[in-house]
């Protein structure tokens, strides 16, 4: 198995349906990835260890409700973090606001509610800034 370039982290196994959108895009673009279920609230030590050890270059953090996961990750790495709010309650507005309202110095890019596909496309664009082959694939993908 190749080294993952993208890490998809879900706060709960129930978020796996949302993650499928990101997985499809990453597979279509032949970008290596890994998926982990780690909670900022329930398993913070394991999550912190994973953040430190993963070779992935970009994180996609999928979370609903208080949606602490993307901010937790961003506060412990300098790698890009893309938050995907989940429509678990309040139509996902609670998660969207939690992810977008990070304090200065803890940036988290945020995509639309339940829109993991856009998170994967943003991760691909980030990676494509230093990968001409991926940039060409991404350009073709956008025109399909």
N, C-alpha and C. Protein backbone atom coordinates (compact mmCIF):
# COMPACT_ATOMS: atom_id res chain seq x y z
N UNK A 1 0.85 -1.19 0.00
CA UNK A 1 0.00 0.00 0.00
C UNK A 1 0.89 1.24 0.00
N UNK A 2 0.51 2.21 -0.80
CA UNK A 2 1.32 3.42 -0.89
C UNK A 2 1.06 4.35 0.30
N UNK A 3 2.00 5.23 0.51
CA UNK A 3 1.89 6.20 1.59
C UNK A 3 0.69 7.10 1.33
N UNK A 4 -0.18 7.29 2.31
CA UNK A 4 -1.35 8.13 2.08
C UNK A 4 -0.96 9.61 1.97
N UNK A 5 -1.52 10.27 0.96
CA UNK A 5 -1.34 11.71 0.83
C UNK A 5 -2.43 12.48 1.57
N UNK A 6 -3.61 11.84 1.67
CA UNK A 6 -4.75 12.47 2.33
C UNK A 6 -5.23 11.56 3.45
N UNK A 7 -5.51 12.18 4.58
CA UNK A 7 -6.08 11.46 5.71
C UNK A 7 -7.52 11.93 5.88
N UNK A 8 -8.45 10.99 5.82
CA UNK A 8 -9.85 11.29 6.11
C UNK A 8 -10.10 10.82 7.54
N UNK A 9 -10.43 11.77 8.40
CA UNK A 9 -10.69 11.44 9.80
C UNK A 9 -12.16 11.74 10.09
N UNK A 10 -12.84 10.74 10.62
CA UNK A 10 -14.25 10.90 10.99
C UNK A 10 -14.36 10.82 12.50
N UNK A 11 -15.22 11.64 13.06
CA UNK A 11 -15.44 11.62 14.49
C UNK A 11 -16.23 10.41 14.94
N UNK A 12 -16.96 9.81 14.00
CA UNK A 12 -17.82 8.67 14.31
C UNK A 12 -17.98 7.81 13.07
N UNK A 13 -18.17 6.54 13.28
CA UNK A 13 -18.42 5.61 12.17
C UNK A 13 -19.66 6.01 11.39
N UNK A 14 -20.59 6.69 12.04
CA UNK A 14 -21.82 7.12 11.37
C UNK A 14 -21.55 8.16 10.28
N UNK A 15 -20.36 8.74 10.25
CA UNK A 15 -19.99 9.71 9.23
C UNK A 15 -19.46 9.06 7.95
N UNK A 16 -19.38 7.73 7.92
CA UNK A 16 -18.78 7.04 6.78
C UNK A 16 -19.57 7.25 5.48
N UNK A 17 -20.88 7.44 5.58
CA UNK A 17 -21.68 7.70 4.39
C UNK A 17 -21.25 9.02 3.74
N UNK A 18 -20.92 10.01 4.54
CA UNK A 18 -20.45 11.30 4.03
C UNK A 18 -19.06 11.12 3.41
N UNK A 19 -18.20 10.34 4.07
CA UNK A 19 -16.83 10.13 3.59
C UNK A 19 -16.79 9.49 2.21
N UNK A 20 -17.82 8.76 1.84
CA UNK A 20 -17.85 8.08 0.53
C UNK A 20 -17.65 9.07 -0.63
N UNK A 21 -18.16 10.28 -0.49
CA UNK A 21 -17.98 11.29 -1.54
C UNK A 21 -16.52 11.63 -1.74
N UNK A 22 -15.79 11.77 -0.64
CA UNK A 22 -14.35 12.08 -0.73
C UNK A 22 -13.58 10.89 -1.29
N UNK A 23 -13.92 9.71 -0.84
CA UNK A 23 -13.22 8.50 -1.28
C UNK A 23 -13.36 8.33 -2.80
N UNK A 24 -14.55 8.56 -3.33
CA UNK A 24 -14.75 8.41 -4.78
C UNK A 24 -13.85 9.36 -5.56
N UNK A 25 -13.79 10.62 -5.15
CA UNK A 25 -12.95 11.60 -5.85
C UNK A 25 -11.48 11.21 -5.75
N UNK A 26 -11.03 10.85 -4.56
CA UNK A 26 -9.62 10.48 -4.38
C UNK A 26 -9.25 9.26 -5.22
N UNK A 27 -10.15 8.29 -5.27
CA UNK A 27 -9.90 7.11 -6.12
C UNK A 27 -9.86 7.51 -7.59
N UNK A 28 -10.83 8.32 -8.01
CA UNK A 28 -10.88 8.75 -9.42
C UNK A 28 -9.59 9.47 -9.83
N UNK A 29 -9.01 10.22 -8.91
CA UNK A 29 -7.79 10.98 -9.19
C UNK A 29 -6.52 10.21 -8.84
N UNK A 30 -6.69 8.97 -8.37
CA UNK A 30 -5.56 8.11 -7.99
C UNK A 30 -4.69 8.76 -6.91
N UNK A 31 -5.34 9.34 -5.91
CA UNK A 31 -4.65 9.94 -4.77
C UNK A 31 -4.75 8.96 -3.61
N UNK A 32 -3.62 8.61 -3.03
CA UNK A 32 -3.62 7.67 -1.92
C UNK A 32 -4.22 8.33 -0.68
N UNK A 33 -4.93 7.52 0.10
CA UNK A 33 -5.61 8.06 1.29
C UNK A 33 -5.73 6.96 2.34
N UNK A 34 -6.07 7.39 3.53
CA UNK A 34 -6.43 6.46 4.59
C UNK A 34 -7.62 7.05 5.34
N UNK A 35 -8.39 6.19 5.95
CA UNK A 35 -9.56 6.62 6.71
C UNK A 35 -9.41 6.16 8.15
N UNK A 36 -9.68 7.07 9.07
CA UNK A 36 -9.61 6.75 10.50
C UNK A 36 -10.87 7.26 11.19
N UNK A 37 -11.32 6.54 12.18
CA UNK A 37 -12.39 7.00 13.06
C UNK A 37 -11.75 7.32 14.39
N UNK A 38 -11.62 8.62 14.66
CA UNK A 38 -11.00 9.08 15.90
C UNK A 38 -11.75 10.33 16.36
N UNK A 39 -12.11 10.37 17.60
CA UNK A 39 -12.91 11.48 18.12
C UNK A 39 -12.07 12.43 18.97
N UNK A 40 -12.25 13.72 18.74
CA UNK A 40 -11.58 14.73 19.57
C UNK A 40 -12.10 14.68 21.00
N UNK A 41 -13.33 14.21 21.17
CA UNK A 41 -13.94 14.15 22.50
C UNK A 41 -13.73 12.81 23.20
N UNK A 42 -13.88 11.71 22.44
CA UNK A 42 -13.82 10.39 23.06
C UNK A 42 -12.43 9.75 23.05
N UNK A 43 -11.61 10.07 22.05
CA UNK A 43 -10.28 9.44 21.95
C UNK A 43 -9.21 10.49 21.65
N UNK A 44 -9.11 11.55 22.44
CA UNK A 44 -8.18 12.64 22.10
C UNK A 44 -6.71 12.22 22.08
N UNK A 45 -6.30 11.34 22.97
CA UNK A 45 -4.89 10.93 22.99
C UNK A 45 -4.52 10.13 21.75
N UNK A 46 -5.41 9.21 21.35
CA UNK A 46 -5.16 8.42 20.14
C UNK A 46 -5.15 9.33 18.91
N UNK A 47 -6.05 10.30 18.87
CA UNK A 47 -6.11 11.23 17.75
C UNK A 47 -4.83 12.06 17.68
N UNK A 48 -4.38 12.54 18.81
CA UNK A 48 -3.16 13.34 18.84
C UNK A 48 -1.95 12.53 18.35
N UNK A 49 -1.86 11.30 18.77
CA UNK A 49 -0.77 10.41 18.34
C UNK A 49 -0.84 10.19 16.83
N UNK A 50 -2.05 9.96 16.33
CA UNK A 50 -2.22 9.75 14.90
C UNK A 50 -1.80 10.98 14.10
N UNK A 51 -2.21 12.16 14.53
CA UNK A 51 -1.87 13.41 13.84
C UNK A 51 -0.35 13.55 13.74
N UNK A 52 0.34 13.24 14.80
CA UNK A 52 1.81 13.34 14.83
C UNK A 52 2.48 12.33 13.92
N UNK A 53 1.90 11.14 13.78
CA UNK A 53 2.57 10.04 13.09
C UNK A 53 2.20 9.85 11.63
N UNK A 54 1.05 10.32 11.20
CA UNK A 54 0.63 10.05 9.82
C UNK A 54 1.51 10.80 8.82
N UNK A 55 1.87 10.15 7.73
CA UNK A 55 2.64 10.83 6.69
C UNK A 55 1.74 11.65 5.75
N UNK A 56 0.42 11.57 5.91
CA UNK A 56 -0.50 12.30 5.04
C UNK A 56 -0.16 13.79 5.03
N UNK A 57 -0.38 14.42 3.87
CA UNK A 57 -0.05 15.83 3.70
C UNK A 57 -1.23 16.76 3.91
N UNK A 58 -2.45 16.22 3.79
CA UNK A 58 -3.68 17.00 3.96
C UNK A 58 -4.67 16.17 4.77
N UNK A 59 -5.37 16.84 5.67
CA UNK A 59 -6.42 16.19 6.46
C UNK A 59 -7.79 16.63 5.97
N UNK A 60 -8.71 15.68 5.87
CA UNK A 60 -10.13 15.98 5.70
C UNK A 60 -10.78 15.49 6.98
N UNK A 61 -11.38 16.41 7.74
CA UNK A 61 -11.98 16.06 9.03
C UNK A 61 -13.50 16.20 8.92
N UNK A 62 -14.20 15.10 9.11
CA UNK A 62 -15.65 15.05 8.95
C UNK A 62 -16.28 14.96 10.34
N UNK A 63 -17.13 15.94 10.67
CA UNK A 63 -17.70 15.96 12.02
C UNK A 63 -19.03 16.68 12.05
N UNK A 64 -19.89 16.23 12.94
CA UNK A 64 -21.18 16.87 13.15
C UNK A 64 -21.28 17.40 14.57
N UNK A 65 -22.43 17.95 14.89
CA UNK A 65 -22.73 18.52 16.21
C UNK A 65 -21.72 19.60 16.57
N UNK A 66 -21.00 19.45 17.68
CA UNK A 66 -20.04 20.48 18.09
C UNK A 66 -18.86 20.57 17.12
N UNK A 67 -18.63 19.52 16.35
CA UNK A 67 -17.64 19.51 15.27
C UNK A 67 -16.27 20.02 15.71
N UNK A 68 -15.79 19.52 16.81
CA UNK A 68 -14.50 19.93 17.36
C UNK A 68 -13.33 19.31 16.60
N UNK A 69 -13.57 18.23 15.88
CA UNK A 69 -12.51 17.46 15.23
C UNK A 69 -11.60 18.28 14.30
N UNK A 70 -12.12 19.04 13.34
CA UNK A 70 -11.22 19.79 12.46
C UNK A 70 -10.33 20.78 13.22
N UNK A 71 -10.88 21.49 14.17
CA UNK A 71 -10.09 22.44 14.95
C UNK A 71 -9.05 21.76 15.82
N UNK A 72 -9.40 20.63 16.38
CA UNK A 72 -8.46 19.86 17.19
C UNK A 72 -7.26 19.48 16.34
N UNK A 73 -7.53 18.96 15.13
CA UNK A 73 -6.44 18.57 14.24
C UNK A 73 -5.61 19.79 13.85
N UNK A 74 -6.27 20.88 13.45
CA UNK A 74 -5.56 22.09 13.01
C UNK A 74 -4.71 22.69 14.11
N UNK A 75 -5.12 22.51 15.35
CA UNK A 75 -4.35 23.08 16.46
C UNK A 75 -3.09 22.27 16.77
N UNK A 76 -2.96 21.09 16.13
CA UNK A 76 -1.84 20.21 16.42
C UNK A 76 -0.96 19.90 15.21
N UNK A 77 -1.22 20.58 14.09
CA UNK A 77 -0.41 20.36 12.89
C UNK A 77 -0.32 21.64 12.08
N UNK A 78 0.67 21.70 11.21
CA UNK A 78 0.78 22.82 10.27
C UNK A 78 0.30 22.39 8.88
N UNK A 79 -0.13 21.15 8.75
CA UNK A 79 -0.66 20.64 7.48
C UNK A 79 -2.06 21.22 7.27
N UNK A 80 -2.48 21.34 6.00
CA UNK A 80 -3.83 21.85 5.73
C UNK A 80 -4.91 20.91 6.28
N UNK A 81 -5.95 21.52 6.84
CA UNK A 81 -7.09 20.78 7.36
C UNK A 81 -8.35 21.31 6.68
N UNK A 82 -9.14 20.39 6.15
CA UNK A 82 -10.40 20.75 5.50
C UNK A 82 -11.52 20.14 6.33
N UNK A 83 -12.40 20.98 6.84
CA UNK A 83 -13.51 20.51 7.64
C UNK A 83 -14.75 20.27 6.80
N UNK A 84 -15.42 19.15 7.08
CA UNK A 84 -16.69 18.84 6.44
C UNK A 84 -17.75 18.76 7.52
N UNK A 85 -18.62 19.77 7.60
CA UNK A 85 -19.70 19.71 8.60
C UNK A 85 -20.76 18.69 8.19
N UNK A 86 -21.28 17.98 9.17
CA UNK A 86 -22.27 16.93 8.93
C UNK A 86 -23.63 17.39 9.45
N UNK A 87 -24.66 17.08 8.70
CA UNK A 87 -26.02 17.49 9.06
C UNK A 87 -26.64 16.57 10.10
N UNK A 88 -25.98 16.36 11.22
CA UNK A 88 -26.48 15.48 12.28
C UNK A 88 -27.64 16.13 13.05
N UNK A 89 -27.56 17.40 13.33
CA UNK A 89 -28.59 18.16 14.04
C UNK A 89 -28.70 19.53 13.41
N UNK A 90 -29.79 20.20 13.62
CA UNK A 90 -29.98 21.59 13.17
C UNK A 90 -29.61 21.78 11.70
N UNK A 91 -29.80 20.75 10.90
CA UNK A 91 -29.48 20.82 9.48
C UNK A 91 -27.99 20.99 9.20
N UNK A 92 -27.16 20.76 10.20
CA UNK A 92 -25.71 20.89 10.04
C UNK A 92 -25.19 22.28 10.32
N UNK A 93 -26.10 23.23 10.62
CA UNK A 93 -25.67 24.60 10.88
C UNK A 93 -24.77 24.69 12.10
N UNK A 94 -25.06 23.89 13.12
CA UNK A 94 -24.22 23.88 14.33
C UNK A 94 -22.78 23.46 13.98
N UNK A 95 -22.64 22.40 13.18
CA UNK A 95 -21.32 21.92 12.79
C UNK A 95 -20.62 22.93 11.88
N UNK A 96 -21.36 23.50 10.94
CA UNK A 96 -20.79 24.50 10.03
C UNK A 96 -20.21 25.67 10.81
N UNK A 97 -20.96 26.20 11.74
CA UNK A 97 -20.48 27.34 12.52
C UNK A 97 -19.30 26.95 13.41
N UNK A 98 -19.34 25.76 13.99
CA UNK A 98 -18.22 25.30 14.83
C UNK A 98 -16.92 25.22 14.04
N UNK A 99 -17.02 24.76 12.80
CA UNK A 99 -15.81 24.58 11.99
C UNK A 99 -15.30 25.92 11.44
N UNK A 100 -16.21 26.80 11.04
CA UNK A 100 -15.76 28.05 10.43
C UNK A 100 -15.30 29.09 11.43
N UNK A 101 -15.72 29.00 12.66
CA UNK A 101 -15.41 30.02 13.66
C UNK A 101 -14.18 29.69 14.50
N UNK A 102 -13.12 29.26 13.84
CA UNK A 102 -11.88 28.94 14.55
C UNK A 102 -11.16 30.23 14.93
N UNK A 103 -10.44 30.19 16.05
CA UNK A 103 -9.70 31.39 16.46
C UNK A 103 -8.52 31.67 15.52
N UNK A 104 -8.09 32.90 15.53
CA UNK A 104 -6.95 33.31 14.72
C UNK A 104 -5.75 32.41 15.02
N UNK A 105 -5.08 31.97 13.98
CA UNK A 105 -3.91 31.11 14.15
C UNK A 105 -4.22 29.63 14.04
N UNK A 106 -5.50 29.26 13.95
CA UNK A 106 -5.90 27.86 13.82
C UNK A 106 -6.81 27.76 12.59
N UNK A 107 -6.23 27.86 11.39
CA UNK A 107 -7.06 27.87 10.19
C UNK A 107 -7.60 26.50 9.83
N UNK A 108 -8.86 26.48 9.44
CA UNK A 108 -9.51 25.28 8.92
C UNK A 108 -10.31 25.70 7.69
N UNK A 109 -9.98 25.13 6.55
CA UNK A 109 -10.80 25.35 5.36
C UNK A 109 -12.10 24.60 5.57
N UNK A 110 -13.19 25.15 5.11
CA UNK A 110 -14.49 24.51 5.33
C UNK A 110 -15.26 24.43 4.02
N UNK A 111 -15.86 23.28 3.78
CA UNK A 111 -16.72 23.10 2.61
C UNK A 111 -18.16 23.03 3.08
N UNK A 112 -19.08 22.90 2.14
CA UNK A 112 -20.49 22.86 2.49
C UNK A 112 -20.88 21.64 3.30
N UNK A 113 -22.02 21.75 3.93
CA UNK A 113 -22.56 20.68 4.78
C UNK A 113 -22.69 19.39 3.97
N UNK A 114 -22.13 18.33 4.50
CA UNK A 114 -22.15 16.98 3.90
C UNK A 114 -21.41 16.90 2.56
N UNK A 115 -20.58 17.88 2.22
CA UNK A 115 -19.96 17.93 0.90
C UNK A 115 -18.49 17.47 0.93
N UNK A 116 -18.30 16.20 1.25
CA UNK A 116 -16.96 15.63 1.29
C UNK A 116 -16.32 15.59 -0.10
N UNK A 117 -17.14 15.56 -1.13
CA UNK A 117 -16.60 15.58 -2.50
C UNK A 117 -15.78 16.85 -2.71
N UNK A 118 -16.30 18.00 -2.31
CA UNK A 118 -15.56 19.24 -2.47
C UNK A 118 -14.31 19.25 -1.58
N UNK A 119 -14.38 18.62 -0.43
CA UNK A 119 -13.20 18.53 0.43
C UNK A 119 -12.09 17.78 -0.28
N UNK A 120 -12.43 16.68 -0.95
CA UNK A 120 -11.44 15.90 -1.69
C UNK A 120 -10.89 16.69 -2.88
N UNK A 121 -11.76 17.43 -3.55
CA UNK A 121 -11.29 18.26 -4.67
C UNK A 121 -10.36 19.36 -4.17
N UNK A 122 -10.66 19.95 -3.03
CA UNK A 122 -9.76 20.96 -2.46
C UNK A 122 -8.44 20.34 -2.05
N UNK A 123 -8.48 19.17 -1.44
CA UNK A 123 -7.25 18.46 -1.08
C UNK A 123 -6.42 18.19 -2.33
N UNK A 124 -7.07 17.78 -3.41
CA UNK A 124 -6.37 17.51 -4.67
C UNK A 124 -5.74 18.78 -5.21
N UNK A 125 -6.43 19.90 -5.13
CA UNK A 125 -5.87 21.17 -5.59
C UNK A 125 -4.64 21.57 -4.77
N UNK A 126 -4.71 21.33 -3.48
CA UNK A 126 -3.56 21.63 -2.61
C UNK A 126 -2.37 20.79 -3.03
N UNK A 127 -2.60 19.49 -3.20
CA UNK A 127 -1.52 18.58 -3.59
C UNK A 127 -1.00 18.90 -4.99
N UNK A 128 -1.88 19.35 -5.88
CA UNK A 128 -1.50 19.63 -7.26
C UNK A 128 -0.59 20.85 -7.39
N UNK A 129 -0.48 21.68 -6.36
CA UNK A 129 0.42 22.83 -6.44
C UNK A 129 1.87 22.39 -6.56
N UNK A 130 2.17 21.16 -6.13
CA UNK A 130 3.54 20.66 -6.24
C UNK A 130 3.60 19.35 -7.03
N UNK A 131 2.56 19.04 -7.79
CA UNK A 131 2.51 17.79 -8.54
C UNK A 131 1.86 18.06 -9.89
N UNK A 132 2.68 18.25 -10.93
CA UNK A 132 2.17 18.61 -12.26
C UNK A 132 1.29 17.51 -12.86
N UNK A 133 1.63 16.26 -12.58
CA UNK A 133 0.84 15.14 -13.10
C UNK A 133 -0.58 15.17 -12.51
N UNK A 134 -0.65 15.41 -11.21
CA UNK A 134 -1.96 15.51 -10.55
C UNK A 134 -2.71 16.74 -11.05
N UNK A 135 -2.01 17.84 -11.26
CA UNK A 135 -2.65 19.06 -11.77
C UNK A 135 -3.31 18.78 -13.12
N UNK A 136 -2.64 18.02 -13.99
CA UNK A 136 -3.21 17.68 -15.29
C UNK A 136 -4.43 16.78 -15.13
N UNK A 137 -4.35 15.79 -14.23
CA UNK A 137 -5.48 14.90 -13.96
C UNK A 137 -6.68 15.69 -13.45
N UNK A 138 -6.39 16.62 -12.57
CA UNK A 138 -7.44 17.45 -11.97
C UNK A 138 -8.13 18.32 -13.01
N UNK A 139 -7.34 18.83 -13.95
CA UNK A 139 -7.89 19.65 -15.02
C UNK A 139 -8.83 18.81 -15.89
N UNK A 140 -8.42 17.61 -16.21
CA UNK A 140 -9.28 16.70 -16.99
C UNK A 140 -10.51 16.31 -16.21
N UNK A 141 -10.35 16.03 -14.94
CA UNK A 141 -11.45 15.61 -14.07
C UNK A 141 -12.53 16.68 -14.01
N UNK A 142 -12.11 17.92 -13.96
CA UNK A 142 -13.05 19.04 -13.86
C UNK A 142 -13.91 19.18 -15.12
N UNK A 143 -13.44 18.64 -16.23
CA UNK A 143 -14.17 18.77 -17.48
C UNK A 143 -15.01 17.54 -17.82
N UNK A 144 -15.04 16.58 -16.93
CA UNK A 144 -15.84 15.36 -17.19
C UNK A 144 -17.31 15.63 -16.98
